[in-house]
Amino acid sequence: MFGLSKYDGQLQNCLIAMEIKVAIMKIVVIGGTGLIGSKLVTKLREHGHEGIPASPNSGVNTLTGEGLAEVLKGASVVVDVSNSPSFEDAAVLKFFETSTRNLLKYGGEAGVKHLVALSVVGTDQMAESGYFRAKIAQEKLIKKSSIPYSIVHATQFFEFLTKLADIGFDGAKVRLPGVLFQPMAADDVASAVARVAVGQPINGTVEVGGPEQFRLDELVRLRLAQVNDPREVIADPNALYSGAKIGDRTLVPGKDARLGETRFETWLKQSAGQNPQTGKKAAAVIN
């Protein structure tokens, strides 16, 4: 069972039964060697599906179209969890528009029956940001296509907290907006996307988030303390998030969101076990 919690017992049993009955599918994961993609491929394979990681390293390039026709042949589902190698405004827009158009073109020709795309909670409220303008453009292309789709809006990952500190560091202090924040473990993100991928297209958006709410500055402060990073974190009402001014609830999902089960304290313990070194800033990856 893909590991999302917060369902009542009856619904949980129904979902288990549905997953047992689901046919084995070829599911191509674009960005399948990254943080989320690699976990997603593993989960799909563990449940009997043919999870295929696709990335430039495996000869699949969504920007040029190279390898797409071959890898999508016979695929029932394609999941896009890729990310732009550059976050510069023009480059990130080009990446998401070009790669999505290619994915839709080759996916349509291959007869793909379900396109799943990973995006971000609050995307439509952050059009000031070049990155999120690009994500908005990606979602619009998907919604206008003829391929049935599901878009998964996830909150930020625990694994990205150190990177948020780096982005907010002005050389003296880490300045972050003191807004509500409901991040989740990358493993729970992968579980949520896997559940959507093996289900029917919803032709809409589903939100997923972590089980707890924090203040953004509070959580980054806790993470830096855990990795012995001495930088001071302050809540700055003028601080931007990826170049956008955000409201208190921009980064938290709505009341109908599906919630992961991994609490921050649990993730911290797991993270400490995986990274026993102290005094070094942990690497953060998003894909």
C-alpha atoms as a PDB file:
ATOM      1  CA  MET A   1       0.000   0.000   0.000  1.00  0.00           C
ATOM      2  CA  PHE A   2       1.429   3.377  -0.934  1.00  0.00           C
ATOM      3  CA  GLY A   3       2.012   5.064   2.401  1.00  0.00           C
ATOM      4  CA  LEU A   4      -0.456   7.913   2.876  1.00  0.00           C
ATOM      5  CA  SER A   5      -2.430   8.012   6.087  1.00  0.00           C
ATOM      6  CA  LYS A   6      -5.398  10.017   7.397  1.00  0.00           C
ATOM      7  CA  TYR A   7      -8.070   7.915   5.720  1.00  0.00           C
ATOM      8  CA  ASP A   8     -10.774   6.238   7.763  1.00  0.00           C
ATOM      9  CA  GLY A   9     -10.661   2.461   8.032  1.00  0.00           C
ATOM     10  CA  GLN A  10     -13.397   1.716   5.529  1.00  0.00           C
ATOM     11  CA  LEU A  11     -11.895   3.879   2.794  1.00  0.00           C
ATOM     12  CA  GLN A  12      -8.451   2.458   3.517  1.00  0.00           C
ATOM     13  CA  ASN A  13      -9.741  -1.087   2.981  1.00  0.00           C
ATOM     14  CA  CYS A  14     -11.391  -0.066  -0.289  1.00  0.00           C
ATOM     15  CA  LEU A  15      -8.161   1.504  -1.528  1.00  0.00           C
ATOM     16  CA  ILE A  16      -6.209  -1.656  -0.667  1.00  0.00           C
ATOM     17  CA  ALA A  17      -8.677  -3.755  -2.618  1.00  0.00           C
ATOM     18  CA  MET A  18      -8.458  -1.426  -5.608  1.00  0.00           C
ATOM     19  CA  GLU A  19      -4.676  -1.543  -5.636  1.00  0.00           C
ATOM     20  CA  ILE A  20      -4.654  -5.357  -5.476  1.00  0.00           C
ATOM     21  CA  LYS A  21      -6.893  -5.493  -8.532  1.00  0.00           C
ATOM     22  CA  VAL A  22      -5.025  -2.904 -10.593  1.00  0.00           C
ATOM     23  CA  ALA A  23      -3.395  -4.228 -13.765  1.00  0.00           C
ATOM     24  CA  ILE A  24       0.359  -4.198 -14.172  1.00  0.00           C
ATOM     25  CA  MET A  25       1.275  -1.032 -16.052  1.00  0.00           C
ATOM     26  CA  LYS A  26       4.321   0.435 -17.747  1.00  0.00           C
ATOM     27  CA  ILE A  27       4.824   3.782 -16.009  1.00  0.00           C
ATOM     28  CA  VAL A  28       7.547   6.092 -17.314  1.00  0.00           C
ATOM     29  CA  VAL A  29       8.955   8.530 -14.773  1.00  0.00           C
ATOM     30  CA  ILE A  30      10.477  11.671 -16.291  1.00  0.00           C
ATOM     31  CA  GLY A  31      13.149  12.833 -13.847  1.00  0.00           C
ATOM     32  CA  GLY A  32      13.273   9.260 -12.602  1.00  0.00           C
ATOM     33  CA  THR A  33      16.804   9.454 -11.215  1.00  0.00           C
ATOM     34  CA  GLY A  34      16.226  12.487  -8.959  1.00  0.00           C
ATOM     35  CA  LEU A  35      15.169  12.667  -5.318  1.00  0.00           C
ATOM     36  CA  ILE A  36      11.452  12.058  -5.877  1.00  0.00           C
ATOM     37  CA  GLY A  37      11.756  10.159  -9.150  1.00  0.00           C
ATOM     38  CA  SER A  38      14.080   7.466  -7.823  1.00  0.00           C
ATOM     39  CA  LYS A  39      11.837   6.847  -4.823  1.00  0.00           C
ATOM     40  CA  LEU A  40       8.781   6.766  -7.078  1.00  0.00           C
ATOM     41  CA  VAL A  41      10.301   4.191  -9.449  1.00  0.00           C
ATOM     42  CA  THR A  42      11.176   1.963  -6.484  1.00  0.00           C
ATOM     43  CA  LYS A  43       7.649   2.166  -5.052  1.00  0.00           C
ATOM     44  CA  LEU A  44       6.025   1.386  -8.410  1.00  0.00           C
ATOM     45  CA  ARG A  45       8.267  -1.639  -8.896  1.00  0.00           C
ATOM     46  CA  GLU A  46       7.607  -2.868  -5.367  1.00  0.00           C
ATOM     47  CA  HIS A  47       3.914  -2.953  -6.272  1.00  0.00           C
ATOM     48  CA  GLY A  48       4.470  -4.957  -9.419  1.00  0.00           C
ATOM     49  CA  HIS A  49       4.444  -2.192 -12.016  1.00  0.00           C
ATOM     50  CA  GLU A  50       7.061  -1.604 -14.685  1.00  0.00           C
ATOM     51  CA  GLY A  51       8.538   1.640 -13.413  1.00  0.00           C
ATOM     52  CA  ILE A  52      10.916   3.109 -15.992  1.00  0.00           C
ATOM     53  CA  PRO A  53      13.238   5.976 -14.972  1.00  0.00           C
ATOM     54  CA  ALA A  54      13.778   8.436 -17.820  1.00  0.00           C
ATOM     55  CA  SER A  55      16.379  11.202 -17.723  1.00  0.00           C
ATOM     56  CA  PRO A  56      19.241  12.557 -19.842  1.00  0.00           C
ATOM     57  CA  ASN A  57      21.469   9.977 -18.141  1.00  0.00           C
ATOM     58  CA  SER A  58      19.329   7.207 -19.629  1.00  0.00           C
ATOM     59  CA  GLY A  59      19.181   8.808 -23.078  1.00  0.00           C
ATOM     60  CA  VAL A  60      15.850  10.612 -22.656  1.00  0.00           C
ATOM     61  CA  ASN A  61      15.879  14.387 -23.059  1.00  0.00           C
ATOM     62  CA  THR A  62      12.530  16.143 -22.858  1.00  0.00           C
ATOM     63  CA  LEU A  63      14.034  19.439 -24.069  1.00  0.00           C
ATOM     64  CA  THR A  64      15.180  17.979 -27.392  1.00  0.00           C
ATOM     65  CA  GLY A  65      12.700  15.096 -27.569  1.00  0.00           C
ATOM     66  CA  GLU A  66      15.578  12.603 -27.771  1.00  0.00           C
ATOM     67  CA  GLY A  67      14.529   9.116 -26.655  1.00  0.00           C
ATOM     68  CA  LEU A  68      10.922  10.027 -25.845  1.00  0.00           C
ATOM     69  CA  ALA A  69       9.287   8.014 -28.626  1.00  0.00           C
ATOM     70  CA  GLU A  70      11.233   4.904 -27.638  1.00  0.00           C
ATOM     71  CA  VAL A  71      10.727   5.091 -23.875  1.00  0.00           C
ATOM     72  CA  LEU A  72       7.000   5.924 -24.131  1.00  0.00           C
ATOM     73  CA  LYS A  73       6.223   3.011 -26.448  1.00  0.00           C
ATOM     74  CA  GLY A  74       3.690   0.799 -24.670  1.00  0.00           C
ATOM     75  CA  ALA A  75       3.443   3.092 -21.646  1.00  0.00           C
ATOM     76  CA  SER A  76       0.073   3.497 -19.949  1.00  0.00           C
ATOM     77  CA  VAL A  77       1.176   6.350 -17.690  1.00  0.00           C
ATOM     78  CA  VAL A  78       3.873   9.017 -17.771  1.00  0.00           C
ATOM     79  CA  VAL A  79       4.797  10.879 -14.607  1.00  0.00           C
ATOM     80  CA  ASP A  80       6.745  14.125 -14.817  1.00  0.00           C
ATOM     81  CA  VAL A  81       8.730  14.949 -11.669  1.00  0.00           C
ATOM     82  CA  SER A  82      11.575  16.654 -13.530  1.00  0.00           C
ATOM     83  CA  ASN A  83      12.924  20.080 -12.687  1.00  0.00           C
ATOM     84  CA  SER A  84      14.778  22.767 -14.587  1.00  0.00           C
ATOM     85  CA  PRO A  85      18.586  22.707 -14.298  1.00  0.00           C
ATOM     86  CA  SER A  86      18.490  26.529 -14.173  1.00  0.00           C
ATOM     87  CA  PHE A  87      16.140  28.703 -12.099  1.00  0.00           C
ATOM     88  CA  GLU A  88      16.842  31.859 -14.135  1.00  0.00           C
ATOM     89  CA  ASP A  89      13.484  33.232 -15.294  1.00  0.00           C
ATOM     90  CA  ALA A  90      13.840  32.765 -19.053  1.00  0.00           C
ATOM     91  CA  ALA A  91      15.629  29.417 -18.752  1.00  0.00           C
ATOM     92  CA  VAL A  92      13.118  27.860 -16.388  1.00  0.00           C
ATOM     93  CA  LEU A  93      10.186  29.004 -18.536  1.00  0.00           C
ATOM     94  CA  LYS A  94      11.828  27.551 -21.643  1.00  0.00           C
ATOM     95  CA  PHE A  95      12.479  24.274 -19.818  1.00  0.00           C
ATOM     96  CA  PHE A  96       8.928  23.689 -18.620  1.00  0.00           C
ATOM     97  CA  GLU A  97       7.223  24.890 -21.802  1.00  0.00           C
ATOM     98  CA  THR A  98       9.488  22.980 -24.193  1.00  0.00           C
ATOM     99  CA  SER A  99       9.716  19.769 -22.184  1.00  0.00           C
ATOM    100  CA  THR A 100       5.975  19.698 -21.526  1.00  0.00           C
ATOM    101  CA  ARG A 101       5.121  20.265 -25.193  1.00  0.00           C
ATOM    102  CA  ASN A 102       7.456  17.434 -26.182  1.00  0.00           C
ATOM    103  CA  LEU A 103       6.029  15.156 -23.522  1.00  0.00           C
ATOM    104  CA  LEU A 104       2.484  15.859 -24.695  1.00  0.00           C
ATOM    105  CA  LYS A 105       3.411  15.368 -28.362  1.00  0.00           C
ATOM    106  CA  TYR A 106       5.226  12.069 -27.947  1.00  0.00           C
ATOM    107  CA  GLY A 107       2.859  10.884 -25.231  1.00  0.00           C
ATOM    108  CA  GLY A 108      -0.119  11.476 -27.481  1.00  0.00           C
ATOM    109  CA  GLU A 109       1.534   9.627 -30.362  1.00  0.00           C
ATOM    110  CA  ALA A 110       2.338   6.693 -28.039  1.00  0.00           C
ATOM    111  CA  GLY A 111      -1.224   6.461 -26.765  1.00  0.00           C
ATOM    112  CA  VAL A 112      -0.416   7.349 -23.153  1.00  0.00           C
ATOM    113  CA  LYS A 113      -3.654   7.286 -21.181  1.00  0.00           C
ATOM    114  CA  HIS A 114      -2.637   9.274 -18.093  1.00  0.00           C
ATOM    115  CA  LEU A 115      -0.162  12.096 -17.558  1.00  0.00           C
ATOM    116  CA  VAL A 116       0.761  12.916 -13.968  1.00  0.00           C
ATOM    117  CA  ALA A 117       2.731  16.056 -13.141  1.00  0.00           C
ATOM    118  CA  LEU A 118       4.246  17.046  -9.806  1.00  0.00           C
ATOM    119  CA  SER A 119       3.855  20.726  -8.959  1.00  0.00           C
ATOM    120  CA  VAL A 120       3.746  22.888  -5.849  1.00  0.00           C
ATOM    121  CA  VAL A 121       1.062  23.960  -3.380  1.00  0.00           C
ATOM    122  CA  GLY A 122       0.407  27.670  -3.851  1.00  0.00           C
ATOM    123  CA  THR A 123       1.752  27.821  -7.409  1.00  0.00           C
ATOM    124  CA  ASP A 124      -1.129  29.923  -8.701  1.00  0.00           C
ATOM    125  CA  GLN A 125      -0.566  32.471  -5.910  1.00  0.00           C
ATOM    126  CA  MET A 126       3.113  33.063  -6.711  1.00  0.00           C
ATOM    127  CA  ALA A 127       3.073  34.456 -10.253  1.00  0.00           C
ATOM    128  CA  GLU A 128       5.568  37.140  -9.143  1.00  0.00           C
ATOM    129  CA  SER A 129       8.175  34.390  -9.177  1.00  0.00           C
ATOM    130  CA  GLY A 130       9.770  33.447 -12.483  1.00  0.00           C
ATOM    131  CA  TYR A 131       9.947  29.823 -11.364  1.00  0.00           C
ATOM    132  CA  PHE A 132       6.274  29.650 -10.488  1.00  0.00           C
ATOM    133  CA  ARG A 133       5.255  31.473 -13.665  1.00  0.00           C
ATOM    134  CA  ALA A 134       6.965  28.603 -15.455  1.00  0.00           C
ATOM    135  CA  LYS A 135       5.083  26.026 -13.384  1.00  0.00           C
ATOM    136  CA  ILE A 136       1.810  27.830 -14.146  1.00  0.00           C
ATOM    137  CA  ALA A 137       2.668  27.650 -17.864  1.00  0.00           C
ATOM    138  CA  GLN A 138       3.405  23.926 -17.534  1.00  0.00           C
ATOM    139  CA  GLU A 139       0.064  23.267 -15.869  1.00  0.00           C
ATOM    140  CA  LYS A 140      -1.847  25.259 -18.502  1.00  0.00           C
ATOM    141  CA  LEU A 141      -0.306  23.202 -21.302  1.00  0.00           C
ATOM    142  CA  ILE A 142      -1.250  19.967 -19.558  1.00  0.00           C
ATOM    143  CA  LYS A 143      -4.819  21.093 -18.934  1.00  0.00           C
ATOM    144  CA  LYS A 144      -5.299  22.082 -22.588  1.00  0.00           C
ATOM    145  CA  SER A 145      -3.977  18.798 -23.978  1.00  0.00           C
ATOM    146  CA  SER A 146      -6.040  15.811 -25.068  1.00  0.00           C
ATOM    147  CA  ILE A 147      -4.268  13.425 -22.688  1.00  0.00           C
ATOM    148  CA  PRO A 148      -6.172  12.711 -19.442  1.00  0.00           C
ATOM    149  CA  TYR A 149      -4.144  14.111 -16.567  1.00  0.00           C
ATOM    150  CA  SER A 150      -3.675  14.524 -12.840  1.00  0.00           C
ATOM    151  CA  ILE A 151      -1.635  17.316 -11.268  1.00  0.00           C
ATOM    152  CA  VAL A 152      -0.213  16.753  -7.782  1.00  0.00           C
ATOM    153  CA  HIS A 153       0.442  19.919  -5.782  1.00  0.00           C
ATOM    154  CA  ALA A 154       2.867  19.019  -2.990  1.00  0.00           C
ATOM    155  CA  THR A 155       4.167  21.161  -0.175  1.00  0.00           C
ATOM    156  CA  GLN A 156       7.911  21.685   0.185  1.00  0.00           C
ATOM    157  CA  PHE A 157      10.126  18.743   1.149  1.00  0.00           C
ATOM    158  CA  PHE A 158      11.939  18.388   4.487  1.00  0.00           C
ATOM    159  CA  GLU A 159      15.018  17.595   2.396  1.00  0.00           C
ATOM    160  CA  PHE A 160      14.956  21.140   0.968  1.00  0.00           C
ATOM    161  CA  LEU A 161      15.083  23.026   4.277  1.00  0.00           C
ATOM    162  CA  THR A 162      18.828  23.631   4.204  1.00  0.00           C
ATOM    163  CA  LYS A 163      18.557  24.915   0.649  1.00  0.00           C
ATOM    164  CA  LEU A 164      15.880  27.380   1.778  1.00  0.00           C
ATOM    165  CA  ALA A 165      18.373  28.681   4.323  1.00  0.00           C
ATOM    166  CA  ASP A 166      20.977  29.109   1.595  1.00  0.00           C
ATOM    167  CA  ILE A 167      18.512  31.018  -0.585  1.00  0.00           C
ATOM    168  CA  GLY A 168      17.507  33.299   2.303  1.00  0.00           C
ATOM    169  CA  PHE A 169      21.063  33.982   3.518  1.00  0.00           C
ATOM    170  CA  ASP A 170      22.154  37.600   2.954  1.00  0.00           C
ATOM    171  CA  GLY A 171      25.719  37.079   4.103  1.00  0.00           C
ATOM    172  CA  ALA A 172      24.904  37.823   7.735  1.00  0.00           C
ATOM    173  CA  LYS A 173      21.554  36.223   8.563  1.00  0.00           C
ATOM    174  CA  VAL A 174      18.990  33.887   7.034  1.00  0.00           C
ATOM    175  CA  ARG A 175      15.906  35.980   6.312  1.00  0.00           C
ATOM    176  CA  LEU A 176      12.679  34.108   5.655  1.00  0.00           C
ATOM    177  CA  PRO A 177       8.989  35.031   5.662  1.00  0.00           C
ATOM    178  CA  GLY A 178       7.449  33.900   8.945  1.00  0.00           C
ATOM    179  CA  VAL A 179       4.507  32.205   7.220  1.00  0.00           C
ATOM    180  CA  LEU A 180       2.760  28.931   7.906  1.00  0.00           C
ATOM    181  CA  PHE A 181       4.537  25.949   6.402  1.00  0.00           C
ATOM    182  CA  GLN A 182       3.455  22.301   6.115  1.00  0.00           C
ATOM    183  CA  PRO A 183       6.330  20.390   4.479  1.00  0.00           C
ATOM    184  CA  MET A 184       6.554  16.657   4.008  1.00  0.00           C
ATOM    185  CA  ALA A 185       9.120  13.911   3.599  1.00  0.00           C
ATOM    186  CA  ALA A 186      10.236  13.148   0.048  1.00  0.00           C
ATOM    187  CA  ASP A 187       9.263   9.532   0.633  1.00  0.00           C
ATOM    188  CA  ASP A 188       5.683  10.613   1.365  1.00  0.00           C
ATOM    189  CA  VAL A 189       5.671  12.787  -1.766  1.00  0.00           C
ATOM    190  CA  ALA A 190       6.680   9.762  -3.820  1.00  0.00           C
ATOM    191  CA  SER A 191       3.952   7.668  -2.181  1.00  0.00           C
ATOM    192  CA  ALA A 192       1.341  10.306  -2.968  1.00  0.00           C
ATOM    193  CA  VAL A 193       2.415  10.557  -6.607  1.00  0.00           C
ATOM    194  CA  ALA A 194       2.494   6.760  -6.922  1.00  0.00           C
ATOM    195  CA  ARG A 195      -1.057   6.487  -5.638  1.00  0.00           C
ATOM    196  CA  VAL A 196      -2.237   9.026  -8.209  1.00  0.00           C
ATOM    197  CA  ALA A 197      -0.252   7.366 -11.010  1.00  0.00           C
ATOM    198  CA  VAL A 198      -1.877   3.958 -10.559  1.00  0.00           C
ATOM    199  CA  GLY A 199      -5.356   5.475 -10.257  1.00  0.00           C
ATOM    200  CA  GLN A 200      -7.703   6.963 -12.802  1.00  0.00           C
ATOM    201  CA  PRO A 201      -6.973  10.445 -14.198  1.00  0.00           C
ATOM    202  CA  ILE A 202      -8.846  13.133 -12.275  1.00  0.00           C
ATOM    203  CA  ASN A 203      -8.392  15.873 -14.902  1.00  0.00           C
ATOM    204  CA  GLY A 204      -7.739  18.214 -12.026  1.00  0.00           C
ATOM    205  CA  THR A 205      -5.432  18.866  -9.093  1.00  0.00           C
ATOM    206  CA  VAL A 206      -4.904  17.019  -5.822  1.00  0.00           C
ATOM    207  CA  GLU A 207      -3.006  18.574  -2.910  1.00  0.00           C
ATOM    208  CA  VAL A 208      -0.673  16.690  -0.602  1.00  0.00           C
ATOM    209  CA  GLY A 209       1.162  17.942   2.461  1.00  0.00           C
ATOM    210  CA  GLY A 210       2.813  17.003   5.715  1.00  0.00           C
ATOM    211  CA  PRO A 211       0.955  16.088   8.918  1.00  0.00           C
ATOM    212  CA  GLU A 212       2.088  19.190  10.872  1.00  0.00           C
ATOM    213  CA  GLN A 213       2.139  22.957  10.461  1.00  0.00           C
ATOM    214  CA  PHE A 214       5.052  25.147  11.509  1.00  0.00           C
ATOM    215  CA  ARG A 215       6.329  28.632  10.864  1.00  0.00           C
ATOM    216  CA  LEU A 216       8.829  28.604   8.007  1.00  0.00           C
ATOM    217  CA  ASP A 217      11.588  30.349   9.953  1.00  0.00           C
ATOM    218  CA  GLU A 218      11.001  28.081  12.952  1.00  0.00           C
ATOM    219  CA  LEU A 219      11.452  24.885  10.970  1.00  0.00           C
ATOM    220  CA  VAL A 220      14.535  26.038   9.094  1.00  0.00           C
ATOM    221  CA  ARG A 221      16.038  27.113  12.435  1.00  0.00           C
ATOM    222  CA  LEU A 222      15.438  23.621  13.839  1.00  0.00           C
ATOM    223  CA  ARG A 223      16.992  21.981  10.812  1.00  0.00           C
ATOM    224  CA  LEU A 224      20.114  24.157  10.919  1.00  0.00           C
ATOM    225  CA  ALA A 225      20.557  23.382  14.601  1.00  0.00           C
ATOM    226  CA  GLN A 226      20.386  19.662  13.821  1.00  0.00           C
ATOM    227  CA  VAL A 227      23.236  19.935  11.303  1.00  0.00           C
ATOM    228  CA  ASN A 228      25.251  22.306  13.533  1.00  0.00           C
ATOM    229  CA  ASP A 229      24.858  25.220  11.145  1.00  0.00           C
ATOM    230  CA  PRO A 230      25.414  28.405  13.229  1.00  0.00           C
ATOM    231  CA  ARG A 231      23.595  30.833  10.919  1.00  0.00           C
ATOM    232  CA  GLU A 232      20.914  32.916  12.632  1.00  0.00           C
ATOM    233  CA  VAL A 233      17.419  32.600  11.156  1.00  0.00           C
ATOM    234  CA  ILE A 234      14.990  35.493  11.500  1.00  0.00           C
ATOM    235  CA  ALA A 235      11.416  36.050  10.383  1.00  0.00           C
ATOM    236  CA  ASP A 236      11.451  38.992   7.996  1.00  0.00           C
ATOM    237  CA  PRO A 237       8.062  40.323   6.826  1.00  0.00           C
ATOM    238  CA  ASN A 238       9.751  41.721   3.712  1.00  0.00           C
ATOM    239  CA  ALA A 239      11.483  38.476   2.743  1.00  0.00           C
ATOM    240  CA  LEU A 240      10.416  36.871  -0.520  1.00  0.00           C
ATOM    241  CA  TYR A 241       9.849  33.192  -1.293  1.00  0.00           C
ATOM    242  CA  SER A 242      11.419  32.264  -4.623  1.00  0.00           C
ATOM    243  CA  GLY A 243      11.072  35.906  -5.619  1.00  0.00           C
ATOM    244  CA  ALA A 244       7.428  36.270  -4.630  1.00  0.00           C
ATOM    245  CA  LYS A 245       5.663  38.012  -1.785  1.00  0.00           C
ATOM    246  CA  ILE A 246       3.474  35.404  -0.102  1.00  0.00           C
ATOM    247  CA  GLY A 247       0.613  35.354   2.362  1.00  0.00           C
ATOM    248  CA  ASP A 248       0.415  33.525   5.660  1.00  0.00           C
ATOM    249  CA  ARG A 249      -1.262  30.450   4.131  1.00  0.00           C
ATOM    250  CA  THR A 250       0.228  30.405   0.612  1.00  0.00           C
ATOM    251  CA  LEU A 251       2.439  27.407   1.391  1.00  0.00           C
ATOM    252  CA  VAL A 252      -0.135  25.250   3.190  1.00  0.00           C
ATOM    253  CA  PRO A 253      -2.655  22.992   1.456  1.00  0.00           C
ATOM    254  CA  GLY A 254      -6.426  23.184   1.731  1.00  0.00           C
ATOM    255  CA  LYS A 255      -8.636  21.183   4.079  1.00  0.00           C
ATOM    256  CA  ASP A 256      -9.128  18.353   1.567  1.00  0.00           C
ATOM    257  CA  ALA A 257      -5.417  17.670   1.104  1.00  0.00           C
ATOM    258  CA  ARG A 258      -4.061  14.166   1.483  1.00  0.00           C
ATOM    259  CA  LEU A 259      -1.530  14.125   4.300  1.00  0.00           C
ATOM    260  CA  GLY A 260       1.676  12.142   4.581  1.00  0.00           C
ATOM    261  CA  GLU A 261       2.435  10.272   7.754  1.00  0.00           C
ATOM    262  CA  THR A 262       6.064  11.219   8.473  1.00  0.00           C
ATOM    263  CA  ARG A 263       6.368  13.810  11.223  1.00  0.00           C
ATOM    264  CA  PHE A 264       9.286  16.233  11.260  1.00  0.00           C
ATOM    265  CA  GLU A 265      10.767  14.784  14.453  1.00  0.00           C
ATOM    266  CA  THR A 266      10.733  11.303  12.891  1.00  0.00           C
ATOM    267  CA  TRP A 267      12.352  12.575   9.726  1.00  0.00           C
ATOM    268  CA  LEU A 268      15.051  14.389  11.732  1.00  0.00           C
ATOM    269  CA  LYS A 269      15.978  11.158  13.494  1.00  0.00           C
ATOM    270  CA  GLN A 270      16.066   9.271  10.202  1.00  0.00           C
ATOM    271  CA  SER A 271      18.122  12.042   8.620  1.00  0.00           C
ATOM    272  CA  ALA A 272      20.603  12.037  11.498  1.00  0.00           C
ATOM    273  CA  GLY A 273      21.004   8.278  11.107  1.00  0.00           C
ATOM    274  CA  GLN A 274      21.677   8.580   7.390  1.00  0.00           C
ATOM    275  CA  ASN A 275      24.063  11.547   7.808  1.00  0.00           C
ATOM    276  CA  PRO A 276      26.112  10.902  10.952  1.00  0.00           C
ATOM    277  CA  GLN A 277      28.599  13.693  10.130  1.00  0.00           C
ATOM    278  CA  THR A 278      28.151  16.840  12.176  1.00  0.00           C
ATOM    279  CA  GLY A 279      29.329  20.322  11.553  1.00  0.00           C
ATOM    280  CA  LYS A 280      28.628  20.106   7.817  1.00  0.00           C
ATOM    281  CA  LYS A 281      25.699  21.535   5.960  1.00  0.00           C
ATOM    282  CA  ALA A 282      23.565  18.767   4.508  1.00  0.00           C
ATOM    283  CA  ALA A 283      23.037  18.770   0.759  1.00  0.00           C
ATOM    284  CA  ALA A 284      19.466  19.435  -0.322  1.00  0.00           C
ATOM    285  CA  VAL A 285      18.074  18.298  -3.617  1.00  0.00           C
ATOM    286  CA  ILE A 286      14.768  18.944  -5.313  1.00  0.00           C
ATOM    287  CA  ASN A 287      13.574  17.205  -8.446  1.00  0.00           C
END
